């Protein structure tokens, strides 16, 4: 599954035309709209992670967001290498891989 959050700027008419064009392409490939509320919730979660980080650390939970950029052709290898680096660092500090959950949001 792949999810994308899109924000359309410009006049109301331009934004509606752009959204309609994007949805035509998305539907061609089986895509669908989850609605604006889900995009807003996603952004809220991103900011919330930063605020609950200290509380989580006190309870042996680490949540972090890494920001970077790369060509789309390298997204797969980037995610694989970052995940491996996290597991490697966890092993050094006594964390067991099966206790770790690593996920990615590519924007």
Foldseek 3Di string as FASTA:
>chain_A
DADDDDDADDDPVRSVVVVVVVVVVQVVVPHDDPDPVVVVVVVVVVVVCVVCQVVVVVVVDHDDDDDDDDPPVCPVVVLVVVLVVVCVVCVVVPHDPVVDDDDDHDD
